[in-house]
C-alpha atoms as a PDB file:
ATOM      1  CA  MET A   1     -94.359   0.979 -36.632  1.00  0.00           C
ATOM      2  CA  GLY A   2     -94.329   0.262 -32.912  1.00  0.00           C
ATOM      3  CA  TYR A   3     -96.553   1.717 -30.258  1.00  0.00           C
ATOM      4  CA  PRO A   4     -94.966   4.914 -28.869  1.00  0.00           C
ATOM      5  CA  ARG A   5     -93.208   4.145 -25.583  1.00  0.00           C
ATOM      6  CA  LYS A   6     -94.005   7.628 -24.281  1.00  0.00           C
ATOM      7  CA  LEU A   7     -97.689   6.629 -24.114  1.00  0.00           C
ATOM      8  CA  LEU A   8     -96.992   3.798 -21.675  1.00  0.00           C
ATOM      9  CA  ALA A   9     -97.224   4.101 -17.902  1.00  0.00           C
ATOM     10  CA  GLU A  10     -94.113   3.858 -15.769  1.00  0.00           C
ATOM     11  CA  GLY A  11     -93.000   0.232 -15.589  1.00  0.00           C
ATOM     12  CA  GLU A  12     -95.392  -0.836 -18.343  1.00  0.00           C
ATOM     13  CA  GLN A  13     -93.928  -2.789 -21.255  1.00  0.00           C
ATOM     14  CA  VAL A  14     -95.319  -3.858 -24.622  1.00  0.00           C
ATOM     15  CA  GLU A  15     -95.617  -7.649 -24.752  1.00  0.00           C
ATOM     16  CA  PHE A  16     -96.764  -7.859 -28.380  1.00  0.00           C
ATOM     17  CA  GLU A  17     -98.512  -5.841 -31.075  1.00  0.00           C
ATOM     18  CA  LEU A  18    -100.873  -6.956 -33.823  1.00  0.00           C
ATOM     19  CA  ARG A  19    -102.758  -5.540 -36.723  1.00  0.00           C
ATOM     20  CA  PRO A  20    -105.843  -7.162 -38.234  1.00  0.00           C
ATOM     21  CA  HIS A  21    -105.299 -10.433 -40.095  1.00  0.00           C
ATOM     22  CA  TRP A  22    -104.397 -10.078 -43.762  1.00  0.00           C
ATOM     23  CA  ARG A  23    -107.706 -11.702 -44.676  1.00  0.00           C
ATOM     24  CA  SER A  24    -109.336  -8.309 -44.274  1.00  0.00           C
ATOM     25  CA  MET A  25    -107.465  -7.288 -47.440  1.00  0.00           C
ATOM     26  CA  ILE A  26    -108.709 -10.190 -49.613  1.00  0.00           C
ATOM     27  CA  ALA A  27    -111.859  -8.469 -50.914  1.00  0.00           C
ATOM     28  CA  PRO A  28    -110.108  -5.104 -51.504  1.00  0.00           C
ATOM     29  CA  SER A  29    -107.334  -6.910 -53.403  1.00  0.00           C
ATOM     30  CA  LEU A  30    -109.880  -8.671 -55.604  1.00  0.00           C
ATOM     31  CA  VAL A  31    -111.537  -5.308 -56.271  1.00  0.00           C
ATOM     32  CA  LEU A  32    -108.114  -3.903 -57.202  1.00  0.00           C
ATOM     33  CA  LEU A  33    -107.484  -6.698 -59.702  1.00  0.00           C
ATOM     34  CA  ALA A  34    -110.958  -6.520 -61.229  1.00  0.00           C
ATOM     35  CA  THR A  35    -110.977  -2.724 -61.457  1.00  0.00           C
ATOM     36  CA  VAL A  36    -107.554  -2.510 -63.087  1.00  0.00           C
ATOM     37  CA  THR A  37    -108.414  -5.337 -65.497  1.00  0.00           C
ATOM     38  CA  VAL A  38    -111.785  -3.936 -66.567  1.00  0.00           C
ATOM     39  CA  GLY A  39    -110.474  -0.350 -66.670  1.00  0.00           C
ATOM     40  CA  SER A  40    -107.492  -1.349 -68.815  1.00  0.00           C
ATOM     41  CA  TYR A  41    -109.752  -3.301 -71.159  1.00  0.00           C
ATOM     42  CA  LEU A  42    -112.167  -0.370 -71.531  1.00  0.00           C
ATOM     43  CA  LEU A  43    -109.308   2.028 -72.252  1.00  0.00           C
ATOM     44  CA  ALA A  44    -107.845  -0.394 -74.806  1.00  0.00           C
ATOM     45  CA  VAL A  45    -111.108  -0.874 -76.723  1.00  0.00           C
ATOM     46  CA  THR A  46    -112.052   2.814 -76.745  1.00  0.00           C
ATOM     47  CA  PRO A  47    -110.945   4.140 -80.132  1.00  0.00           C
ATOM     48  CA  ASP A  48    -108.597   7.117 -80.299  1.00  0.00           C
ATOM     49  CA  GLY A  49    -110.069  10.385 -81.411  1.00  0.00           C
ATOM     50  CA  THR A  50    -111.321  13.669 -80.146  1.00  0.00           C
ATOM     51  CA  LEU A  51    -114.884  12.422 -79.730  1.00  0.00           C
ATOM     52  CA  GLN A  52    -113.805   9.545 -77.496  1.00  0.00           C
ATOM     53  CA  ALA A  53    -111.444  11.582 -75.258  1.00  0.00           C
ATOM     54  CA  PRO A  54    -114.192  12.491 -72.746  1.00  0.00           C
ATOM     55  CA  LEU A  55    -115.179   8.799 -72.554  1.00  0.00           C
ATOM     56  CA  ARG A  56    -111.588   7.859 -71.709  1.00  0.00           C
ATOM     57  CA  TRP A  57    -111.538  10.455 -68.910  1.00  0.00           C
ATOM     58  CA  VAL A  58    -114.816   9.085 -67.535  1.00  0.00           C
ATOM     59  CA  VAL A  59    -113.319   5.554 -67.459  1.00  0.00           C
ATOM     60  CA  VAL A  60    -110.197   6.837 -65.674  1.00  0.00           C
ATOM     61  CA  ALA A  61    -112.294   8.795 -63.143  1.00  0.00           C
ATOM     62  CA  VAL A  62    -114.534   5.800 -62.387  1.00  0.00           C
ATOM     63  CA  VAL A  63    -111.492   3.492 -62.009  1.00  0.00           C
ATOM     64  CA  LEU A  64    -109.775   5.947 -59.643  1.00  0.00           C
ATOM     65  CA  ALA A  65    -112.943   6.439 -57.576  1.00  0.00           C
ATOM     66  CA  LEU A  66    -113.386   2.663 -57.232  1.00  0.00           C
ATOM     67  CA  LEU A  67    -109.737   2.172 -56.295  1.00  0.00           C
ATOM     68  CA  VAL A  68    -109.796   4.896 -53.642  1.00  0.00           C
ATOM     69  CA  GLY A  69    -113.062   3.723 -52.105  1.00  0.00           C
ATOM     70  CA  TRP A  70    -112.621  -0.023 -52.320  1.00  0.00           C
ATOM     71  CA  PHE A  71    -108.842  -0.528 -52.068  1.00  0.00           C
ATOM     72  CA  VAL A  72    -106.902   2.492 -50.787  1.00  0.00           C
ATOM     73  CA  ARG A  73    -109.274   3.288 -47.911  1.00  0.00           C
ATOM     74  CA  PRO A  74    -109.363  -0.334 -46.588  1.00  0.00           C
ATOM     75  CA  LEU A  75    -105.587  -0.596 -47.004  1.00  0.00           C
ATOM     76  CA  LEU A  76    -105.025   2.581 -44.977  1.00  0.00           C
ATOM     77  CA  ALA A  77    -107.513   1.403 -42.346  1.00  0.00           C
ATOM     78  CA  TRP A  78    -105.661  -1.919 -42.098  1.00  0.00           C
ATOM     79  CA  LEU A  79    -102.283  -0.201 -41.849  1.00  0.00           C
ATOM     80  CA  THR A  80    -103.437   2.226 -39.139  1.00  0.00           C
ATOM     81  CA  THR A  81    -105.201  -0.304 -36.889  1.00  0.00           C
ATOM     82  CA  GLN A  82    -103.178  -1.515 -33.907  1.00  0.00           C
ATOM     83  CA  TYR A  83    -103.864  -4.009 -31.161  1.00  0.00           C
ATOM     84  CA  VAL A  84    -101.258  -3.586 -28.424  1.00  0.00           C
ATOM     85  CA  PHE A  85    -100.944  -5.928 -25.452  1.00  0.00           C
ATOM     86  CA  THR A  86     -98.856  -4.609 -22.578  1.00  0.00           C
ATOM     87  CA  THR A  87     -98.029  -5.880 -19.127  1.00  0.00           C
ATOM     88  CA  ARG A  88    -100.949  -3.824 -17.746  1.00  0.00           C
ATOM     89  CA  ARG A  89    -103.595  -3.325 -20.434  1.00  0.00           C
ATOM     90  CA  ILE A  90    -104.980  -4.045 -23.884  1.00  0.00           C
ATOM     91  CA  ILE A  91    -104.913  -1.058 -26.233  1.00  0.00           C
ATOM     92  CA  THR A  92    -106.796  -0.742 -29.524  1.00  0.00           C
ATOM     93  CA  ARG A  93    -106.272   2.145 -31.930  1.00  0.00           C
ATOM     94  CA  THR A  94    -108.062   2.610 -35.243  1.00  0.00           C
ATOM     95  CA  GLY A  95    -108.561   5.368 -37.759  1.00  0.00           C
ATOM     96  CA  ILE A  96    -106.872   6.997 -40.700  1.00  0.00           C
ATOM     97  CA  VAL A  97    -107.261  10.699 -39.923  1.00  0.00           C
ATOM     98  CA  ALA A  98    -109.629  10.743 -36.970  1.00  0.00           C
ATOM     99  CA  ARG A  99    -108.357   8.194 -34.457  1.00  0.00           C
ATOM    100  CA  SER A 100    -110.307   6.247 -31.878  1.00  0.00           C
ATOM    101  CA  GLY A 101    -109.145   3.829 -29.277  1.00  0.00           C
ATOM    102  CA  LYS A 102    -110.029   1.821 -26.258  1.00  0.00           C
ATOM    103  CA  ASP A 103    -107.887   0.636 -23.366  1.00  0.00           C
ATOM    104  CA  MET A 104    -108.820  -2.202 -21.037  1.00  0.00           C
ATOM    105  CA  PRO A 105    -106.800  -2.793 -17.878  1.00  0.00           C
ATOM    106  CA  LEU A 106    -105.783  -6.418 -17.420  1.00  0.00           C
ATOM    107  CA  SER A 107    -106.909  -6.196 -13.790  1.00  0.00           C
ATOM    108  CA  LYS A 108    -110.529  -5.681 -14.936  1.00  0.00           C
ATOM    109  CA  ILE A 109    -110.705  -8.694 -17.280  1.00  0.00           C
ATOM    110  CA  ASN A 110    -113.265 -11.346 -16.310  1.00  0.00           C
ATOM    111  CA  ASP A 111    -113.310 -13.566 -19.386  1.00  0.00           C
ATOM    112  CA  VAL A 112    -111.571 -13.985 -22.725  1.00  0.00           C
ATOM    113  CA  SER A 113    -113.264 -15.941 -25.486  1.00  0.00           C
ATOM    114  CA  PHE A 114    -112.793 -16.423 -29.205  1.00  0.00           C
ATOM    115  CA  ARG A 115    -114.948 -17.408 -32.139  1.00  0.00           C
ATOM    116  CA  TYR A 116    -114.124 -18.325 -35.694  1.00  0.00           C
ATOM    117  CA  THR A 117    -115.877 -19.692 -38.734  1.00  0.00           C
ATOM    118  CA  LEU A 118    -114.572 -22.628 -40.758  1.00  0.00           C
ATOM    119  CA  PHE A 119    -112.959 -20.191 -43.214  1.00  0.00           C
ATOM    120  CA  GLU A 120    -111.330 -18.248 -40.358  1.00  0.00           C
ATOM    121  CA  ARG A 121    -110.108 -21.486 -38.794  1.00  0.00           C
ATOM    122  CA  VAL A 122    -108.342 -22.408 -42.031  1.00  0.00           C
ATOM    123  CA  LEU A 123    -106.704 -18.950 -42.086  1.00  0.00           C
ATOM    124  CA  HIS A 124    -105.837 -19.071 -38.338  1.00  0.00           C
ATOM    125  CA  CYS A 125    -107.770 -15.957 -37.349  1.00  0.00           C
ATOM    126  CA  GLY A 126    -110.997 -15.092 -35.569  1.00  0.00           C
ATOM    127  CA  THR A 127    -112.861 -12.727 -33.297  1.00  0.00           C
ATOM    128  CA  LEU A 128    -111.609 -12.159 -29.764  1.00  0.00           C
ATOM    129  CA  THR A 129    -114.022 -11.040 -27.032  1.00  0.00           C
ATOM    130  CA  VAL A 130    -112.551  -9.711 -23.794  1.00  0.00           C
ATOM    131  CA  SER A 131    -115.169  -9.190 -21.069  1.00  0.00           C
ATOM    132  CA  SER A 132    -114.449  -6.802 -18.252  1.00  0.00           C
ATOM    133  CA  ALA A 133    -115.857  -5.866 -14.897  1.00  0.00           C
ATOM    134  CA  SER A 134    -116.321  -2.261 -16.025  1.00  0.00           C
ATOM    135  CA  GLU A 135    -119.482  -0.613 -17.270  1.00  0.00           C
ATOM    136  CA  ASP A 136    -118.173  -0.562 -20.839  1.00  0.00           C
ATOM    137  CA  GLY A 137    -118.695  -4.311 -21.129  1.00  0.00           C
ATOM    138  CA  ALA A 138    -116.716  -6.297 -23.659  1.00  0.00           C
ATOM    139  CA  LEU A 139    -113.931  -5.424 -26.037  1.00  0.00           C
ATOM    140  CA  VAL A 140    -114.593  -7.205 -29.339  1.00  0.00           C
ATOM    141  CA  ILE A 141    -111.662  -7.406 -31.754  1.00  0.00           C
ATOM    142  CA  ALA A 142    -112.325  -8.900 -35.195  1.00  0.00           C
ATOM    143  CA  ASN A 143    -109.781 -10.451 -37.566  1.00  0.00           C
ATOM    144  CA  VAL A 144    -107.264 -11.346 -34.864  1.00  0.00           C
ATOM    145  CA  PRO A 145    -104.417 -13.481 -36.195  1.00  0.00           C
ATOM    146  CA  ARG A 146    -103.695 -16.671 -34.208  1.00  0.00           C
ATOM    147  CA  VAL A 147    -106.718 -15.946 -32.022  1.00  0.00           C
ATOM    148  CA  GLU A 148    -106.350 -19.025 -29.787  1.00  0.00           C
ATOM    149  CA  GLU A 149    -102.717 -18.181 -28.994  1.00  0.00           C
ATOM    150  CA  ILE A 150    -103.685 -14.580 -28.244  1.00  0.00           C
ATOM    151  CA  GLN A 151    -106.404 -15.794 -25.859  1.00  0.00           C
ATOM    152  CA  ARG A 152    -103.834 -17.862 -23.938  1.00  0.00           C
ATOM    153  CA  GLU A 153    -101.386 -14.939 -23.872  1.00  0.00           C
ATOM    154  CA  ILE A 154    -104.057 -12.646 -22.421  1.00  0.00           C
ATOM    155  CA  TYR A 155    -104.712 -15.164 -19.647  1.00  0.00           C
ATOM    156  CA  ARG A 156    -100.965 -15.318 -18.969  1.00  0.00           C
ATOM    157  CA  LEU A 157    -100.705 -11.506 -18.877  1.00  0.00           C
ATOM    158  CA  THR A 158    -103.790 -11.260 -16.642  1.00  0.00           C
ATOM    159  CA  GLU A 159    -102.309 -13.746 -14.187  1.00  0.00           C
ATOM    160  CA  ALA A 160     -98.968 -11.904 -14.144  1.00  0.00           C
ATOM    161  CA  GLU A 161    -100.790  -8.597 -13.538  1.00  0.00           C
ATOM    162  CA  SER A 162    -102.780 -10.056 -10.626  1.00  0.00           C
ATOM    163  CA  GLU A 163     -99.517 -11.386  -9.115  1.00  0.00           C
ATOM    164  CA  ARG A 164     -97.948  -7.941  -9.494  1.00  0.00           C
ATOM    165  CA  ARG A 165    -100.921  -6.273  -7.795  1.00  0.00           C
ATOM    166  CA  ARG A 166    -101.181  -8.821  -4.989  1.00  0.00           C
ATOM    167  CA  PRO A 167     -99.841  -7.349  -1.750  1.00  0.00           C
ATOM    168  CA  GLY A 168     -96.639  -8.927  -0.599  1.00  0.00           C
ATOM    169  CA  PRO A 169     -95.979 -10.085   2.940  1.00  0.00           C
ATOM    170  CA  GLY A 170     -95.778  -7.125   5.266  1.00  0.00           C
ATOM    171  CA  PRO A 171     -93.962  -6.804   8.579  1.00  0.00           C
ATOM    172  CA  ALA A 172     -96.687  -8.823  10.309  1.00  0.00           C
ATOM    173  CA  GLY A 173     -96.382 -11.646   7.788  1.00  0.00           C
ATOM    174  CA  GLN A 174     -92.657 -12.202   8.344  1.00  0.00           C
END
């Protein structure tokens, strides 16, 4: 699902889009496996009979509640989070039902830094911090795939934006 072109300014183009690194789905996936395994075991060992029917329904309800809270919700959050880098700004959008977002013009960027742990370095992801000249301060984006490459791309986009905004030679300069 690409970023809607109708939300871009005239002349603005999407350079690349990202979603959080897949590592953010490791813990929810482990919860999925454990919940299904334990729930299946409990249903298998619960004897059939009218007295045990309510117990089976309790097991099913607990399994479903765990799956919705610890797997489905993080999966939907991961699927609905977008990091969009255009020729003029950085756009973040998050949220399943209620959406929130932040835009940072490339012309306001002062510094771009990244940080990753040893585990994140092995997985090629990290946290990107984009500092701006505005009052809002920094834009911190966690779980960015290929964070070092993204940092270099932001510098490239920032330089291209400053070239675009630089006044060209006027009649006096010719």
